[in-house]
N, C-alpha and C. Protein backbone atom coordinates (compact mmCIF):
# COMPACT_ATOMS: atom_id res chain seq x y z
N MET A 1 18.50 21.61 -34.09
CA MET A 1 17.61 20.53 -33.21
C MET A 1 18.60 19.25 -33.15
N GLN A 2 18.72 18.87 -31.66
CA GLN A 2 19.32 17.52 -31.59
C GLN A 2 18.73 16.75 -30.44
N ILE A 3 19.23 15.59 -30.33
CA ILE A 3 18.65 14.63 -29.59
C ILE A 3 19.59 14.46 -28.09
N LEU A 4 18.92 14.48 -26.95
CA LEU A 4 19.78 14.52 -25.96
C LEU A 4 19.25 13.19 -25.07
N VAL A 5 20.22 12.47 -24.66
CA VAL A 5 19.91 11.24 -24.16
C VAL A 5 20.33 10.82 -22.48
N ASP A 6 19.23 10.75 -21.67
CA ASP A 6 19.84 10.56 -20.30
C ASP A 6 20.05 9.20 -20.33
N ALA A 7 21.63 8.81 -20.65
CA ALA A 7 21.90 7.38 -21.14
C ALA A 7 22.23 6.39 -20.16
N ASP A 8 22.43 6.55 -18.89
CA ASP A 8 22.95 5.71 -17.72
C ASP A 8 21.89 4.54 -18.06
N ALA A 9 20.65 4.53 -18.00
CA ALA A 9 19.89 3.38 -17.98
C ALA A 9 19.03 3.40 -19.17
N CYS A 10 19.48 3.96 -20.29
CA CYS A 10 18.24 4.17 -21.45
C CYS A 10 18.40 2.82 -22.24
N PRO A 11 17.64 2.05 -22.15
CA PRO A 11 17.43 0.80 -23.24
C PRO A 11 17.25 0.93 -24.50
N VAL A 12 17.19 2.00 -25.19
CA VAL A 12 16.75 2.47 -26.92
C VAL A 12 17.62 3.19 -27.20
N LYS A 13 19.22 3.33 -26.77
CA LYS A 13 20.23 4.22 -27.36
C LYS A 13 20.28 3.98 -28.88
N ASP A 14 20.28 2.51 -29.09
CA ASP A 14 20.64 2.07 -30.52
C ASP A 14 19.69 2.36 -31.58
N ILE A 15 18.39 2.41 -31.01
CA ILE A 15 17.08 2.94 -31.72
C ILE A 15 17.14 4.52 -32.05
N ILE A 16 17.69 5.22 -30.79
CA ILE A 16 18.02 6.78 -31.17
C ILE A 16 18.96 7.16 -32.20
N MET A 17 20.02 6.50 -32.04
CA MET A 17 21.30 6.64 -32.99
C MET A 17 21.03 6.22 -34.47
N SER A 18 20.08 5.22 -34.67
CA SER A 18 20.03 4.96 -35.59
C SER A 18 18.71 6.16 -36.65
N GLN A 19 17.94 6.14 -35.80
CA GLN A 19 16.83 7.16 -36.21
C GLN A 19 17.75 8.76 -36.54
N ALA A 20 18.39 9.13 -35.72
CA ALA A 20 19.32 10.37 -35.79
C ALA A 20 20.27 10.14 -37.20
N ARG A 21 20.57 8.84 -37.20
CA ARG A 21 21.73 9.16 -38.62
C ARG A 21 20.65 9.14 -39.66
N ASP A 22 19.45 8.48 -39.78
CA ASP A 22 18.86 8.50 -40.62
C ASP A 22 18.26 9.57 -41.28
N ASN A 23 17.99 10.72 -40.01
CA ASN A 23 17.55 11.95 -40.04
C ASN A 23 18.71 13.06 -40.01
N ASP A 24 19.61 12.78 -40.14
CA ASP A 24 20.86 13.60 -40.02
C ASP A 24 20.76 14.67 -39.01
N LEU A 25 20.81 13.99 -37.78
CA LEU A 25 20.72 14.73 -36.45
C LEU A 25 21.82 14.12 -35.57
N THR A 26 22.48 15.22 -34.72
CA THR A 26 23.22 14.88 -33.82
C THR A 26 22.59 14.18 -32.43
N VAL A 27 23.44 13.25 -31.71
CA VAL A 27 23.11 12.83 -30.75
C VAL A 27 24.20 12.77 -29.39
N LEU A 28 23.70 13.40 -28.28
CA LEU A 28 24.29 13.55 -27.18
C LEU A 28 23.99 12.49 -26.24
N LEU A 29 24.83 11.51 -25.81
CA LEU A 29 24.79 10.82 -24.87
C LEU A 29 24.98 11.17 -23.29
N VAL A 30 24.39 11.80 -22.53
CA VAL A 30 24.86 12.11 -21.19
C VAL A 30 25.02 10.84 -20.18
N SER A 31 26.00 10.51 -20.02
CA SER A 31 26.33 9.46 -18.53
C SER A 31 27.24 9.93 -17.61
N SER A 32 26.87 8.88 -16.64
CA SER A 32 27.98 9.19 -15.68
C SER A 32 29.19 8.62 -15.77
N ILE A 33 30.41 8.93 -15.30
CA ILE A 33 31.50 8.71 -15.38
C ILE A 33 31.55 7.12 -14.94
N SER A 34 30.77 6.68 -13.77
CA SER A 34 30.68 5.56 -13.41
C SER A 34 30.27 4.45 -14.40
N HIS A 35 29.50 5.11 -15.55
CA HIS A 35 29.29 3.87 -16.72
C HIS A 35 30.14 3.95 -18.20
N PHE A 36 31.58 4.28 -17.36
CA PHE A 36 32.55 4.85 -18.66
C PHE A 36 32.69 3.48 -19.50
N SER A 37 32.58 3.56 -20.53
CA SER A 37 32.86 2.82 -21.77
C SER A 37 34.00 3.25 -22.72
N THR A 38 34.64 2.62 -23.62
CA THR A 38 35.43 2.83 -24.38
C THR A 38 34.81 2.19 -25.84
N LYS A 39 33.60 1.88 -26.11
CA LYS A 39 32.85 1.49 -27.25
C LYS A 39 32.83 2.71 -28.36
N GLU A 40 33.00 2.38 -29.18
CA GLU A 40 33.05 3.21 -30.59
C GLU A 40 31.75 4.02 -30.74
N LEU A 41 31.49 4.97 -30.93
CA LEU A 41 30.17 5.52 -31.19
C LEU A 41 30.22 6.00 -32.58
N PRO A 42 28.96 5.89 -33.43
CA PRO A 42 28.86 6.26 -34.58
C PRO A 42 29.12 7.77 -34.86
N GLU A 43 29.41 7.78 -36.29
CA GLU A 43 29.54 9.11 -36.49
C GLU A 43 28.11 10.09 -36.28
N GLY A 44 28.38 11.27 -35.66
CA GLY A 44 27.06 12.13 -35.16
C GLY A 44 26.58 11.85 -33.85
N VAL A 45 27.38 11.06 -33.28
CA VAL A 45 27.08 10.68 -31.55
C VAL A 45 28.19 10.88 -30.73
N GLU A 46 27.81 11.87 -29.60
CA GLU A 46 29.02 12.35 -28.80
C GLU A 46 28.46 11.56 -27.55
N ARG A 47 29.21 11.49 -26.67
CA ARG A 47 29.05 11.08 -25.19
C ARG A 47 29.74 12.17 -24.27
N ILE A 48 29.05 12.45 -23.40
CA ILE A 48 29.47 13.62 -22.48
C ILE A 48 29.21 13.02 -21.15
N TRP A 49 30.43 12.74 -20.34
CA TRP A 49 30.66 12.39 -19.24
C TRP A 49 30.30 13.36 -18.13
N VAL A 50 29.38 13.00 -16.94
CA VAL A 50 29.60 13.83 -15.79
C VAL A 50 30.29 13.12 -14.68
N ASP A 51 30.33 13.65 -13.45
CA ASP A 51 30.97 12.98 -12.37
C ASP A 51 30.00 12.00 -11.96
N LYS A 52 30.31 11.29 -11.02
CA LYS A 52 29.45 10.40 -10.07
C LYS A 52 28.46 11.68 -9.44
N GLY A 53 27.44 11.36 -9.11
CA GLY A 53 26.43 12.14 -8.26
C GLY A 53 24.80 12.13 -8.58
N SER A 54 23.98 12.58 -7.60
CA SER A 54 22.95 12.60 -7.75
C SER A 54 22.64 13.65 -9.00
N ASP A 55 21.69 13.41 -9.94
CA ASP A 55 21.36 14.38 -10.76
C ASP A 55 22.27 15.24 -11.68
N LEU A 56 23.61 14.97 -11.53
CA LEU A 56 24.46 15.86 -12.36
C LEU A 56 24.47 15.31 -13.88
N ALA A 57 24.15 14.39 -14.15
CA ALA A 57 23.60 13.99 -15.72
C ALA A 57 22.29 14.97 -16.02
N ASP A 58 21.66 15.16 -14.96
CA ASP A 58 20.28 16.05 -15.45
C ASP A 58 20.71 17.47 -15.61
N PHE A 59 21.47 18.02 -14.79
CA PHE A 59 21.79 19.19 -14.88
C PHE A 59 22.43 19.62 -16.12
N GLU A 60 23.28 18.52 -16.53
CA GLU A 60 24.25 18.81 -17.59
C GLU A 60 23.20 18.63 -18.99
N ILE A 61 22.42 17.93 -18.91
CA ILE A 61 21.14 17.95 -19.92
C ILE A 61 20.51 19.21 -19.76
N MET A 62 20.02 19.77 -18.76
CA MET A 62 19.38 20.89 -18.69
C MET A 62 20.30 22.30 -19.32
N LYS A 63 21.59 22.11 -19.16
CA LYS A 63 22.54 22.90 -19.80
C LYS A 63 22.41 23.09 -21.20
N LEU A 64 22.65 22.13 -21.52
CA LEU A 64 22.82 21.74 -23.20
C LEU A 64 21.60 21.80 -23.81
N ALA A 65 20.29 21.49 -23.16
CA ALA A 65 18.94 21.48 -24.15
C ALA A 65 18.58 22.94 -24.31
N TYR A 66 18.08 23.00 -25.82
CA TYR A 66 17.54 23.94 -26.23
C TYR A 66 16.11 24.07 -26.89
N PRO A 67 15.39 24.86 -27.17
CA PRO A 67 13.82 24.83 -27.68
C PRO A 67 14.12 23.91 -28.76
N ASN A 68 12.97 23.12 -28.94
CA ASN A 68 12.85 21.98 -30.33
C ASN A 68 13.98 20.85 -30.03
N ASP A 69 14.33 20.78 -29.08
CA ASP A 69 15.77 19.34 -29.05
C ASP A 69 14.54 18.51 -28.39
N ILE A 70 14.96 17.26 -28.94
CA ILE A 70 14.35 16.07 -28.41
C ILE A 70 14.96 15.42 -26.87
N VAL A 71 14.47 15.16 -25.76
CA VAL A 71 15.45 14.69 -24.87
C VAL A 71 14.71 13.24 -24.74
N VAL A 72 15.39 12.16 -24.17
CA VAL A 72 14.95 11.01 -23.97
C VAL A 72 15.40 10.76 -22.34
N THR A 73 14.67 10.31 -21.63
CA THR A 73 14.75 10.28 -20.07
C THR A 73 13.61 9.29 -19.49
N GLN A 74 13.84 8.82 -18.43
CA GLN A 74 12.88 8.21 -17.62
C GLN A 74 12.45 9.09 -16.15
N ASP A 75 13.30 10.39 -16.22
CA ASP A 75 12.96 10.71 -14.98
C ASP A 75 11.74 12.04 -15.22
N TYR A 76 11.40 11.76 -14.55
CA TYR A 76 10.08 12.99 -14.86
C TYR A 76 10.56 14.08 -13.95
N GLY A 77 11.14 14.27 -13.11
CA GLY A 77 11.83 15.59 -12.30
C GLY A 77 12.69 16.47 -13.69
N LEU A 78 13.37 15.63 -14.15
CA LEU A 78 14.22 16.43 -15.60
C LEU A 78 13.02 16.83 -16.75
N ALA A 79 12.20 15.84 -16.86
CA ALA A 79 11.17 16.31 -17.85
C ALA A 79 10.55 17.42 -17.53
N SER A 80 10.07 17.55 -16.08
CA SER A 80 9.20 18.67 -15.95
C SER A 80 10.18 19.97 -16.05
N MET A 81 11.31 19.94 -15.79
CA MET A 81 12.23 21.38 -16.02
C MET A 81 12.78 21.33 -17.57
N LEU A 82 12.37 20.46 -18.15
CA LEU A 82 12.81 20.65 -19.68
C LEU A 82 11.59 21.18 -20.40
N LEU A 83 10.39 21.03 -19.84
CA LEU A 83 9.17 21.34 -20.76
C LEU A 83 9.07 22.95 -20.93
N PRO A 84 9.40 23.66 -19.90
CA PRO A 84 9.23 25.29 -20.03
C PRO A 84 10.49 25.49 -21.08
N LYS A 85 11.27 24.76 -21.63
CA LYS A 85 12.25 25.12 -22.57
C LYS A 85 11.92 24.82 -24.09
N ARG A 86 10.64 24.34 -23.92
CA ARG A 86 9.92 24.09 -25.12
C ARG A 86 10.76 22.54 -25.96
N CYS A 87 11.37 22.05 -25.05
CA CYS A 87 11.86 20.57 -25.96
C CYS A 87 10.64 19.59 -25.73
N ARG A 88 10.54 18.68 -26.56
CA ARG A 88 9.98 17.50 -26.43
C ARG A 88 10.77 16.30 -26.00
N ILE A 89 10.25 15.80 -24.91
CA ILE A 89 10.65 14.79 -23.98
C ILE A 89 9.97 13.74 -24.24
N LEU A 90 10.66 12.40 -24.43
CA LEU A 90 10.13 11.23 -24.44
C LEU A 90 10.38 10.18 -23.58
N HIS A 91 9.85 9.06 -23.07
CA HIS A 91 10.29 7.95 -22.24
C HIS A 91 10.46 6.73 -23.26
N HIS A 92 11.18 6.10 -23.09
CA HIS A 92 11.63 5.03 -23.94
C HIS A 92 10.41 3.91 -23.99
N SER A 93 9.48 4.02 -23.02
CA SER A 93 8.44 2.97 -23.00
C SER A 93 7.33 3.59 -24.17
N GLY A 94 7.65 4.65 -24.69
CA GLY A 94 6.59 5.21 -25.96
C GLY A 94 5.65 6.16 -25.35
N TYR A 95 6.13 7.10 -24.46
CA TYR A 95 5.22 8.14 -23.98
C TYR A 95 6.11 9.54 -23.84
N GLU A 96 5.08 10.44 -24.44
CA GLU A 96 5.97 11.77 -24.27
C GLU A 96 5.18 12.65 -23.08
N TYR A 97 6.22 12.76 -22.39
CA TYR A 97 5.66 13.64 -21.40
C TYR A 97 5.18 15.14 -21.64
N THR A 98 4.04 15.53 -20.92
CA THR A 98 3.43 16.60 -21.26
C THR A 98 2.87 17.30 -19.63
N GLU A 99 2.60 18.72 -19.75
CA GLU A 99 2.28 19.24 -18.83
C GLU A 99 1.41 18.09 -17.66
N GLN A 100 0.48 17.74 -18.69
CA GLN A 100 -0.70 17.05 -17.94
C GLN A 100 0.01 15.71 -17.52
N SER A 101 0.67 15.02 -18.16
CA SER A 101 1.21 13.79 -17.52
C SER A 101 2.24 14.09 -16.45
N ILE A 102 2.89 15.11 -16.44
CA ILE A 102 4.03 15.70 -15.06
C ILE A 102 3.12 15.72 -14.02
N GLN A 103 1.97 16.24 -14.14
CA GLN A 103 1.23 16.49 -13.08
C GLN A 103 0.48 15.41 -12.37
N ARG A 104 0.06 14.44 -13.40
CA ARG A 104 -0.52 13.09 -12.76
C ARG A 104 0.62 12.50 -12.31
N LEU A 105 1.91 12.42 -12.73
CA LEU A 105 3.17 11.77 -11.86
C LEU A 105 3.40 12.24 -10.53
N VAL A 106 3.26 13.54 -10.40
CA VAL A 106 3.48 14.32 -9.32
C VAL A 106 2.37 13.80 -8.31
N ASP A 107 1.20 14.30 -8.85
CA ASP A 107 -0.13 13.40 -7.98
C ASP A 107 -0.10 12.47 -7.62
N SER A 108 0.36 11.40 -8.48
CA SER A 108 0.48 9.89 -8.09
C SER A 108 1.49 9.76 -7.06
N ARG A 109 2.62 10.29 -7.02
CA ARG A 109 3.63 10.25 -5.79
C ARG A 109 3.00 10.86 -4.82
N HIS A 110 2.37 11.71 -4.88
CA HIS A 110 2.00 12.08 -3.47
C HIS A 110 0.97 11.43 -2.72
N LEU A 111 0.12 10.70 -3.57
CA LEU A 111 -1.17 9.77 -3.04
C LEU A 111 -0.46 8.92 -2.48
N SER A 112 0.43 8.26 -3.17
CA SER A 112 1.47 6.97 -2.69
C SER A 112 1.90 7.43 -1.38
N ALA A 113 2.56 8.43 -1.19
CA ALA A 113 3.34 8.83 -0.04
C ALA A 113 2.26 9.03 1.28
N GLN A 114 1.14 9.52 0.79
CA GLN A 114 0.25 9.95 1.76
C GLN A 114 -0.50 8.23 2.14
N LEU A 115 -0.92 7.35 0.96
CA LEU A 115 -0.99 5.91 1.77
C LEU A 115 -0.02 5.01 2.43
N ARG A 116 1.03 5.59 2.06
CA ARG A 116 2.32 4.86 2.81
C ARG A 116 2.27 5.11 4.37
N ARG A 117 2.15 6.71 4.64
CA ARG A 117 1.99 7.26 6.01
C ARG A 117 0.72 6.46 6.66
N GLN A 118 -0.38 6.77 6.08
CA GLN A 118 -1.66 5.95 6.54
C GLN A 118 -1.57 4.51 6.95
N THR A 119 -0.90 3.83 5.74
CA THR A 119 -0.80 2.72 6.27
C THR A 119 0.26 1.97 6.87
N ARG A 120 1.50 3.01 7.41
CA ARG A 120 2.60 2.71 7.48
C ARG A 120 3.33 1.23 6.92
N SER A 121 3.41 1.57 5.43
CA SER A 121 3.74 0.21 4.67
C SER A 121 4.36 1.04 3.71
N SER A 122 5.60 0.21 3.56
CA SER A 122 6.54 0.70 2.35
C SER A 122 5.88 -0.23 1.07
N ARG A 123 4.92 -0.66 0.65
CA ARG A 123 4.46 -1.62 -0.42
C ARG A 123 3.25 -0.91 -0.79
N VAL A 124 2.70 0.11 -1.13
CA VAL A 124 1.79 0.85 -1.78
C VAL A 124 2.01 1.05 -3.23
N LYS A 125 1.10 0.16 -3.60
CA LYS A 125 1.26 0.46 -5.31
C LYS A 125 0.38 1.35 -5.89
N SER A 126 1.11 2.13 -6.83
CA SER A 126 0.41 3.59 -7.43
C SER A 126 -0.41 3.31 -8.61
N GLU A 127 -1.34 4.17 -8.89
CA GLU A 127 -1.51 3.77 -10.20
C GLU A 127 -0.63 4.56 -11.53
N ASP A 128 -0.66 3.78 -12.70
CA ASP A 128 0.01 4.11 -13.98
C ASP A 128 -0.40 5.51 -13.91
N PRO A 129 0.61 6.32 -13.89
CA PRO A 129 0.16 7.68 -14.41
C PRO A 129 0.01 7.83 -15.68
N PHE A 130 0.63 7.22 -16.62
CA PHE A 130 0.61 7.05 -17.99
C PHE A 130 -0.52 6.23 -18.69
N LYS A 131 -1.56 6.06 -17.78
CA LYS A 131 -2.47 5.00 -18.22
C LYS A 131 -3.67 5.64 -19.34
N HIS A 132 -3.45 7.05 -19.20
CA HIS A 132 -4.48 7.78 -19.94
C HIS A 132 -3.39 8.36 -21.04
N GLU A 133 -2.49 8.29 -21.46
CA GLU A 133 -1.80 8.90 -22.39
C GLU A 133 -1.44 7.53 -23.44
N PRO A 134 -1.43 8.15 -24.75
CA PRO A 134 -1.11 7.12 -26.09
C PRO A 134 0.12 6.61 -25.69
N GLN A 135 0.32 4.96 -25.97
CA GLN A 135 1.31 4.52 -25.80
C GLN A 135 1.65 3.83 -27.38
N THR A 136 2.70 4.35 -27.83
CA THR A 136 3.34 3.90 -29.03
C THR A 136 4.43 3.12 -28.77
N PRO A 137 4.79 2.48 -29.65
CA PRO A 137 6.34 1.55 -29.66
C PRO A 137 7.28 2.80 -29.89
N PHE A 138 8.46 2.81 -28.99
CA PHE A 138 9.44 4.01 -29.10
C PHE A 138 10.03 4.35 -30.45
N ASP A 139 10.41 3.42 -31.23
CA ASP A 139 10.89 3.79 -32.54
C ASP A 139 9.73 4.58 -33.49
N GLU A 140 8.52 4.14 -33.18
CA GLU A 140 7.35 4.82 -33.87
C GLU A 140 7.33 6.38 -33.55
N LEU A 141 7.33 6.41 -32.10
CA LEU A 141 7.05 7.78 -31.32
C LEU A 141 8.53 8.53 -31.90
N LEU A 142 9.62 8.27 -31.96
CA LEU A 142 10.84 9.01 -31.82
C LEU A 142 10.79 9.27 -33.32
N GLU A 143 10.38 8.45 -34.15
CA GLU A 143 10.34 9.10 -35.73
C GLU A 143 9.07 9.99 -35.73
N ARG A 144 8.16 9.75 -35.42
CA ARG A 144 6.97 10.82 -35.38
C ARG A 144 7.41 12.18 -34.95
N VAL A 145 7.98 12.39 -33.80
CA VAL A 145 8.20 13.20 -33.36
C VAL A 145 9.66 14.18 -34.03
N ILE A 146 10.46 13.28 -34.49
CA ILE A 146 11.63 13.74 -35.56
C ILE A 146 10.76 14.59 -36.53
N GLN A 147 10.01 13.90 -37.01
CA GLN A 147 9.21 14.44 -38.31
C GLN A 147 8.73 15.84 -38.01
N GLU A 148 7.68 15.92 -36.99
CA GLU A 148 7.15 16.92 -36.61
C GLU A 148 7.93 17.86 -36.31
N GLN A 149 9.12 17.73 -35.48
CA GLN A 149 10.07 18.83 -35.13
C GLN A 149 10.83 19.13 -36.55
N LEU A 150 11.44 18.67 -37.51
CA LEU A 150 11.86 19.10 -38.65
C LEU A 150 10.56 19.99 -39.49
N LYS A 151 9.55 19.55 -39.66
CA LYS A 151 8.64 20.32 -40.15
C LYS A 151 8.55 21.53 -39.71
N LYS A 152 8.40 21.62 -38.03
CA LYS A 152 8.13 23.09 -37.54
C LYS A 152 9.48 23.86 -37.78
N LEU A 153 10.72 23.21 -37.82
CA LEU A 153 11.82 24.17 -38.08
C LEU A 153 11.81 24.65 -39.46
N LYS A 154 11.14 23.84 -40.50
CA LYS A 154 11.18 24.35 -41.51
C LYS A 154 10.02 25.13 -41.86
N GLU A 155 9.09 24.99 -41.03
CA GLU A 155 8.23 26.47 -41.54
C GLU A 155 8.87 27.77 -40.65
N ILE A 156 9.53 27.56 -39.61
CA ILE A 156 9.95 28.74 -38.93
C ILE A 156 11.28 29.38 -39.99
N GLU A 157 12.03 28.78 -40.54
CA GLU A 157 12.69 29.21 -41.72
C GLU A 157 12.13 30.19 -42.72
């Protein structure tokens, strides 16, 4: 089990690295080369650079993710592709992506697009698709998911 991070705009990388270290897990930070940094990373954290371009980090994460991995992303398109791989996918705001929340996101996006076409306005505010999902501070959510995944892996062994 590892933690993969869609790292370009992830505001909780320090929390992820700290909790991964505490639980002896590897972290892979996947970033566009346009966000290149020479900042040293802690032991157990690896940075993977991808070329500039739409969705290249997503494709790399898809390639690297395995069942039981934890992925942190804001991209629900990526989350929807990872769910069938049996990964646990978290949003930095404290939500876990599920089949139901992905469906709500897609439905909300579709309804907003319809309203924009009907009103010919680009300023249509959509309903918060996560309003029915339990929200937890990210550090608590990540720790709970790590412990659940570690317990699950021990039961498999």
